[in-house]
């Protein structure tokens, strides 16, 4: 389920970003480009936590 919601919200945010950026430079909305960017961004978002190490587990002697 987390993959679906990540893709869903990433798609909406990328679509909004593409719409606003396109409107600022006078270009039409391209749904195919937004979809490709959303899929790539979702993959990056899901890969980053898997690559990063877990938090440091230092033990403080307090």
PDB file of N, CA and C in Angstrom:
ATOM      1  N   UNK A   1       0.815  -1.185   0.000  1.00  0.00           N
ATOM      2  CA  UNK A   1       0.000   0.000   0.000  1.00  0.00           C
ATOM      3  C   UNK A   1       0.867   1.260   0.000  1.00  0.00           C
ATOM      4  N   UNK A   2       2.020   1.186   0.694  1.00  0.00           N
ATOM      5  CA  UNK A   2       2.852   2.388   0.756  1.00  0.00           C
ATOM      6  C   UNK A   2       3.401   2.751  -0.619  1.00  0.00           C
ATOM      7  N   UNK A   3       3.596   1.758  -1.473  1.00  0.00           N
ATOM      8  CA  UNK A   3       4.080   2.042  -2.823  1.00  0.00           C
ATOM      9  C   UNK A   3       3.014   2.765  -3.641  1.00  0.00           C
ATOM     10  N   UNK A   4       1.773   2.329  -3.489  1.00  0.00           N
ATOM     11  CA  UNK A   4       0.680   2.973  -4.207  1.00  0.00           C
ATOM     12  C   UNK A   4       0.532   4.430  -3.775  1.00  0.00           C
ATOM     13  N   UNK A   5       0.496   4.667  -2.466  1.00  0.00           N
ATOM     14  CA  UNK A   5       0.296   6.041  -1.988  1.00  0.00           C
ATOM     15  C   UNK A   5       1.492   6.926  -2.308  1.00  0.00           C
ATOM     16  N   UNK A   6       2.674   6.357  -2.281  1.00  0.00           N
ATOM     17  CA  UNK A   6       3.849   7.136  -2.676  1.00  0.00           C
ATOM     18  C   UNK A   6       3.743   7.537  -4.140  1.00  0.00           C
ATOM     19  N   UNK A   7       3.373   6.605  -4.997  1.00  0.00           N
ATOM     20  CA  UNK A   7       3.201   6.925  -6.415  1.00  0.00           C
ATOM     21  C   UNK A   7       2.066   7.920  -6.622  1.00  0.00           C
ATOM     22  N   UNK A   8       0.970   7.737  -5.922  1.00  0.00           N
ATOM     23  CA  UNK A   8      -0.191   8.617  -6.061  1.00  0.00           C
ATOM     24  C   UNK A   8       0.159  10.061  -5.709  1.00  0.00           C
ATOM     25  N   UNK A   9       0.748  10.278  -4.526  1.00  0.00           N
ATOM     26  CA  UNK A   9       1.059  11.644  -4.102  1.00  0.00           C
ATOM     27  C   UNK A   9       2.204  12.238  -4.912  1.00  0.00           C
ATOM     28  N   UNK A  10       3.154  11.419  -5.299  1.00  0.00           N
ATOM     29  CA  UNK A  10       4.235  11.914  -6.155  1.00  0.00           C
ATOM     30  C   UNK A  10       3.679  12.343  -7.505  1.00  0.00           C
ATOM     31  N   UNK A  11       2.767  11.555  -8.062  1.00  0.00           N
ATOM     32  CA  UNK A  11       2.151  11.907  -9.335  1.00  0.00           C
ATOM     33  C   UNK A  11       1.414  13.237  -9.230  1.00  0.00           C
ATOM     34  N   UNK A  12       0.626  13.411  -8.176  1.00  0.00           N
ATOM     35  CA  UNK A  12      -0.111  14.669  -8.015  1.00  0.00           C
ATOM     36  C   UNK A  12       0.823  15.865  -7.852  1.00  0.00           C
ATOM     37  N   UNK A  13       1.853  15.710  -7.054  1.00  0.00           N
ATOM     38  CA  UNK A  13       2.781  16.819  -6.839  1.00  0.00           C
ATOM     39  C   UNK A  13       3.588  17.146  -8.094  1.00  0.00           C
ATOM     40  N   UNK A  14       4.021  16.131  -8.820  1.00  0.00           N
ATOM     41  CA  UNK A  14       4.767  16.369 -10.057  1.00  0.00           C
ATOM     42  C   UNK A  14       3.850  16.993 -11.109  1.00  0.00           C
ATOM     43  N   UNK A  15       2.602  16.539 -11.184  1.00  0.00           N
ATOM     44  CA  UNK A  15       1.646  17.117 -12.125  1.00  0.00           C
ATOM     45  C   UNK A  15       1.422  18.595 -11.808  1.00  0.00           C
ATOM     46  N   UNK A  16       1.262  18.930 -10.534  1.00  0.00           N
ATOM     47  CA  UNK A  16       1.083  20.314 -10.128  1.00  0.00           C
ATOM     48  C   UNK A  16       2.323  21.143 -10.462  1.00  0.00           C
ATOM     49  N   UNK A  17       3.498  20.610 -10.186  1.00  0.00           N
ATOM     50  CA  UNK A  17       4.737  21.311 -10.478  1.00  0.00           C
ATOM     51  C   UNK A  17       4.896  21.538 -11.979  1.00  0.00           C
ATOM     52  N   UNK A  18       4.595  20.518 -12.771  1.00  0.00           N
ATOM     53  CA  UNK A  18       4.687  20.631 -14.221  1.00  0.00           C
ATOM     54  C   UNK A  18       3.695  21.665 -14.752  1.00  0.00           C
ATOM     55  N   UNK A  19       2.487  21.697 -14.195  1.00  0.00           N
ATOM     56  CA  UNK A  19       1.475  22.661 -14.613  1.00  0.00           C
ATOM     57  C   UNK A  19       1.916  24.090 -14.307  1.00  0.00           C
ATOM     58  N   UNK A  20       2.381  24.321 -13.086  1.00  0.00           N
ATOM     59  CA  UNK A  20       2.794  25.669 -12.687  1.00  0.00           C
ATOM     60  C   UNK A  20       4.023  26.124 -13.467  1.00  0.00           C
ATOM     61  N   UNK A  21       5.011  25.257 -13.578  1.00  0.00           N
ATOM     62  CA  UNK A  21       6.221  25.628 -14.324  1.00  0.00           C
ATOM     63  C   UNK A  21       5.902  25.870 -15.794  1.00  0.00           C
ATOM     64  N   UNK A  22       5.036  25.055 -16.370  1.00  0.00           N
ATOM     65  CA  UNK A  22       4.642  25.248 -17.759  1.00  0.00           C
ATOM     66  C   UNK A  22       3.871  26.539 -17.965  1.00  0.00           C
ATOM     67  N   UNK A  23       3.016  26.867 -17.014  1.00  0.00           N
ATOM     68  CA  UNK A  23       2.250  28.109 -17.123  1.00  0.00           C
ATOM     69  C   UNK A  23       3.165  29.328 -17.014  1.00  0.00           C
ATOM     70  N   UNK A  24       4.199  29.223 -16.215  1.00  0.00           N
ATOM     71  CA  UNK A  24       5.114  30.360 -16.051  1.00  0.00           C
ATOM     72  C   UNK A  24       5.918  30.624 -17.312  1.00  0.00           C
ATOM     73  N   UNK A  25       6.232  29.576 -18.072  1.00  0.00           N
ATOM     74  CA  UNK A  25       7.025  29.793 -19.285  1.00  0.00           C
ATOM     75  C   UNK A  25       6.171  29.715 -20.549  1.00  0.00           C
ATOM     76  N   UNK A  26       4.866  29.528 -20.385  1.00  0.00           N
ATOM     77  CA  UNK A  26       3.956  29.552 -21.515  1.00  0.00           C
ATOM     78  C   UNK A  26       3.910  28.280 -22.331  1.00  0.00           C
ATOM     79  N   UNK A  27       4.113  27.142 -21.688  1.00  0.00           N
ATOM     80  CA  UNK A  27       4.089  25.847 -22.376  1.00  0.00           C
ATOM     81  C   UNK A  27       2.872  25.075 -21.862  1.00  0.00           C
ATOM     82  N   UNK A  28       2.279  24.274 -22.724  1.00  0.00           N
ATOM     83  CA  UNK A  28       1.131  23.474 -22.321  1.00  0.00           C
ATOM     84  C   UNK A  28       1.501  22.329 -21.398  1.00  0.00           C
ATOM     85  N   UNK A  29       0.491  21.791 -20.742  1.00  0.00           N
ATOM     86  CA  UNK A  29       0.697  20.672 -19.821  1.00  0.00           C
ATOM     87  C   UNK A  29       0.905  19.381 -20.615  1.00  0.00           C
ATOM     88  N   UNK A  30       1.943  18.646 -20.283  1.00  0.00           N
ATOM     89  CA  UNK A  30       2.252  17.376 -20.951  1.00  0.00           C
ATOM     90  C   UNK A  30       2.088  16.250 -19.933  1.00  0.00           C
ATOM     91  N   UNK A  31       0.993  15.512 -20.045  1.00  0.00           N
ATOM     92  CA  UNK A  31       0.677  14.462 -19.079  1.00  0.00           C
ATOM     93  C   UNK A  31       1.673  13.307 -19.137  1.00  0.00           C
ATOM     94  N   UNK A  32       2.162  12.980 -20.311  1.00  0.00           N
ATOM     95  CA  UNK A  32       3.128  11.877 -20.450  1.00  0.00           C
ATOM     96  C   UNK A  32       4.433  12.220 -19.725  1.00  0.00           C
ATOM     97  N   UNK A  33       4.895  13.436 -19.885  1.00  0.00           N
ATOM     98  CA  UNK A  33       6.121  13.862 -19.208  1.00  0.00           C
ATOM     99  C   UNK A  33       5.931  13.853 -17.691  1.00  0.00           C
ATOM    100  N   UNK A  34       4.772  14.303 -17.227  1.00  0.00           N
ATOM    101  CA  UNK A  34       4.494  14.291 -15.791  1.00  0.00           C
ATOM    102  C   UNK A  34       4.474  12.878 -15.239  1.00  0.00           C
ATOM    103  N   UNK A  35       3.902  11.954 -15.999  1.00  0.00           N
ATOM    104  CA  UNK A  35       3.834  10.559 -15.554  1.00  0.00           C
ATOM    105  C   UNK A  35       5.223   9.941 -15.465  1.00  0.00           C
ATOM    106  N   UNK A  36       6.044  10.191 -16.469  1.00  0.00           N
ATOM    107  CA  UNK A  36       7.410   9.648 -16.455  1.00  0.00           C
ATOM    108  C   UNK A  36       8.199  10.223 -15.282  1.00  0.00           C
ATOM    109  N   UNK A  37       8.102  11.524 -15.066  1.00  0.00           N
ATOM    110  CA  UNK A  37       8.807  12.148 -13.940  1.00  0.00           C
ATOM    111  C   UNK A  37       8.302  11.617 -12.602  1.00  0.00           C
ATOM    112  N   UNK A  38       7.000  11.374 -12.501  1.00  0.00           N
ATOM    113  CA  UNK A  38       6.434  10.851 -11.257  1.00  0.00           C
ATOM    114  C   UNK A  38       6.952   9.445 -10.962  1.00  0.00           C
ATOM    115  N   UNK A  39       7.029   8.603 -11.969  1.00  0.00           N
ATOM    116  CA  UNK A  39       7.527   7.239 -11.774  1.00  0.00           C
ATOM    117  C   UNK A  39       8.996   7.261 -11.379  1.00  0.00           C
ATOM    118  N   UNK A  40       9.789   8.085 -12.049  1.00  0.00           N
ATOM    119  CA  UNK A  40      11.215   8.191 -11.709  1.00  0.00           C
ATOM    120  C   UNK A  40      11.389   8.735 -10.290  1.00  0.00           C
ATOM    121  N   UNK A  41      10.631   9.771  -9.938  1.00  0.00           N
ATOM    122  CA  UNK A  41      10.728  10.342  -8.593  1.00  0.00           C
ATOM    123  C   UNK A  41      10.297   9.334  -7.535  1.00  0.00           C
ATOM    124  N   UNK A  42       9.265   8.550  -7.820  1.00  0.00           N
ATOM    125  CA  UNK A  42       8.814   7.515  -6.871  1.00  0.00           C
ATOM    126  C   UNK A  42       9.892   6.473  -6.651  1.00  0.00           C
ATOM    127  N   UNK A  43      10.531   6.037  -7.715  1.00  0.00           N
ATOM    128  CA  UNK A  43      11.609   5.055  -7.576  1.00  0.00           C
ATOM    129  C   UNK A  43      12.737   5.625  -6.728  1.00  0.00           C
ATOM    130  N   UNK A  44      13.109   6.871  -6.973  1.00  0.00           N
ATOM    131  CA  UNK A  44      14.171   7.506  -6.182  1.00  0.00           C
ATOM    132  C   UNK A  44      13.759   7.621  -4.730  1.00  0.00           C
ATOM    133  N   UNK A  45      12.513   8.024  -4.478  1.00  0.00           N
ATOM    134  CA  UNK A  45      12.021   8.173  -3.105  1.00  0.00           C
ATOM    135  C   UNK A  45      12.032   6.832  -2.375  1.00  0.00           C
ATOM    136  N   UNK A  46      11.708   5.751  -3.057  1.00  0.00           N
ATOM    137  CA  UNK A  46      11.674   4.440  -2.413  1.00  0.00           C
ATOM    138  C   UNK A  46      13.054   3.803  -2.282  1.00  0.00           C
ATOM    139  N   UNK A  47      14.007   4.193  -3.116  1.00  0.00           N
ATOM    140  CA  UNK A  47      15.348   3.610  -3.063  1.00  0.00           C
ATOM    141  C   UNK A  47      16.209   4.292  -2.003  1.00  0.00           C
ATOM    142  N   UNK A  48      16.036   5.586  -1.810  1.00  0.00           N
ATOM    143  CA  UNK A  48      16.888   6.335  -0.872  1.00  0.00           C
ATOM    144  C   UNK A  48      16.881   5.734   0.537  1.00  0.00           C
ATOM    145  N   UNK A  49      15.716   5.439   1.150  1.00  0.00           N
ATOM    146  CA  UNK A  49      15.764   4.835   2.495  1.00  0.00           C
ATOM    147  C   UNK A  49      16.430   3.466   2.532  1.00  0.00           C
ATOM    148  N   UNK A  50      16.351   2.720   1.444  1.00  0.00           N
ATOM    149  CA  UNK A  50      16.981   1.398   1.408  1.00  0.00           C
ATOM    150  C   UNK A  50      18.499   1.506   1.332  1.00  0.00           C
ATOM    151  N   UNK A  51      18.991   2.582   0.725  1.00  0.00           N
ATOM    152  CA  UNK A  51      20.437   2.752   0.552  1.00  0.00           C
ATOM    153  C   UNK A  51      21.080   3.382   1.782  1.00  0.00           C
ATOM    154  N   UNK A  52      20.381   4.316   2.391  1.00  0.00           N
ATOM    155  CA  UNK A  52      20.938   5.000   3.555  1.00  0.00           C
ATOM    156  C   UNK A  52      21.035   4.054   4.739  1.00  0.00           C
ATOM    157  N   UNK A  53      22.095   4.176   5.508  1.00  0.00           N
ATOM    158  CA  UNK A  53      22.205   3.322   6.696  1.00  0.00           C
ATOM    159  C   UNK A  53      21.232   3.800   7.778  1.00  0.00           C
ATOM    160  N   UNK A  54      20.931   2.881   8.679  1.00  0.00           N
ATOM    161  CA  UNK A  54      20.084   3.255   9.818  1.00  0.00           C
ATOM    162  C   UNK A  54      20.818   4.252  10.688  1.00  0.00           C
ATOM    163  N   UNK A  55      20.091   4.932  11.559  1.00  0.00           N
ATOM    164  CA  UNK A  55      20.696   5.927  12.433  1.00  0.00           C
ATOM    165  C   UNK A  55      21.821   5.348  13.263  1.00  0.00           C
ATOM    166  N   UNK A  56      22.738   6.206  13.652  1.00  0.00           N
ATOM    167  CA  UNK A  56      23.866   5.736  14.449  1.00  0.00           C
ATOM    168  C   UNK A  56      23.358   5.235  15.790  1.00  0.00           C
ATOM    169  N   UNK A  57      23.901   4.146  16.202  1.00  0.00           N
ATOM    170  CA  UNK A  57      23.466   3.533  17.451  1.00  0.00           C
ATOM    171  C   UNK A  57      24.550   3.669  18.498  1.00  0.00           C
ATOM    172  N   UNK A  58      24.873   4.907  18.792  1.00  0.00           N
ATOM    173  CA  UNK A  58      25.876   5.161  19.822  1.00  0.00           C
ATOM    174  C   UNK A  58      25.228   5.031  21.190  1.00  0.00           C
ATOM    175  N   UNK A  59      25.964   4.452  22.094  1.00  0.00           N
ATOM    176  CA  UNK A  59      25.468   4.319  23.465  1.00  0.00           C
ATOM    177  C   UNK A  59      26.177   5.350  24.323  1.00  0.00           C
ATOM    178  N   UNK A  60      25.382   6.185  24.931  1.00  0.00           N
ATOM    179  CA  UNK A  60      25.935   7.207  25.815  1.00  0.00           C
ATOM    180  C   UNK A  60      25.893   6.674  27.249  1.00  0.00           C
ATOM    181  N   UNK A  61      26.956   6.825  27.950  1.00  0.00           N
ATOM    182  CA  UNK A  61      27.044   6.331  29.320  1.00  0.00           C
ATOM    183  C   UNK A  61      26.592   7.354  30.350  1.00  0.00           C
ATOM    184  N   UNK A  62      25.356   7.770  30.273  1.00  0.00           N
ATOM    185  CA  UNK A  62      24.841   8.749  31.241  1.00  0.00           C
ATOM    186  C   UNK A  62      24.317   8.058  32.443  1.00  0.00           C
TER     187      UNK A  62
END
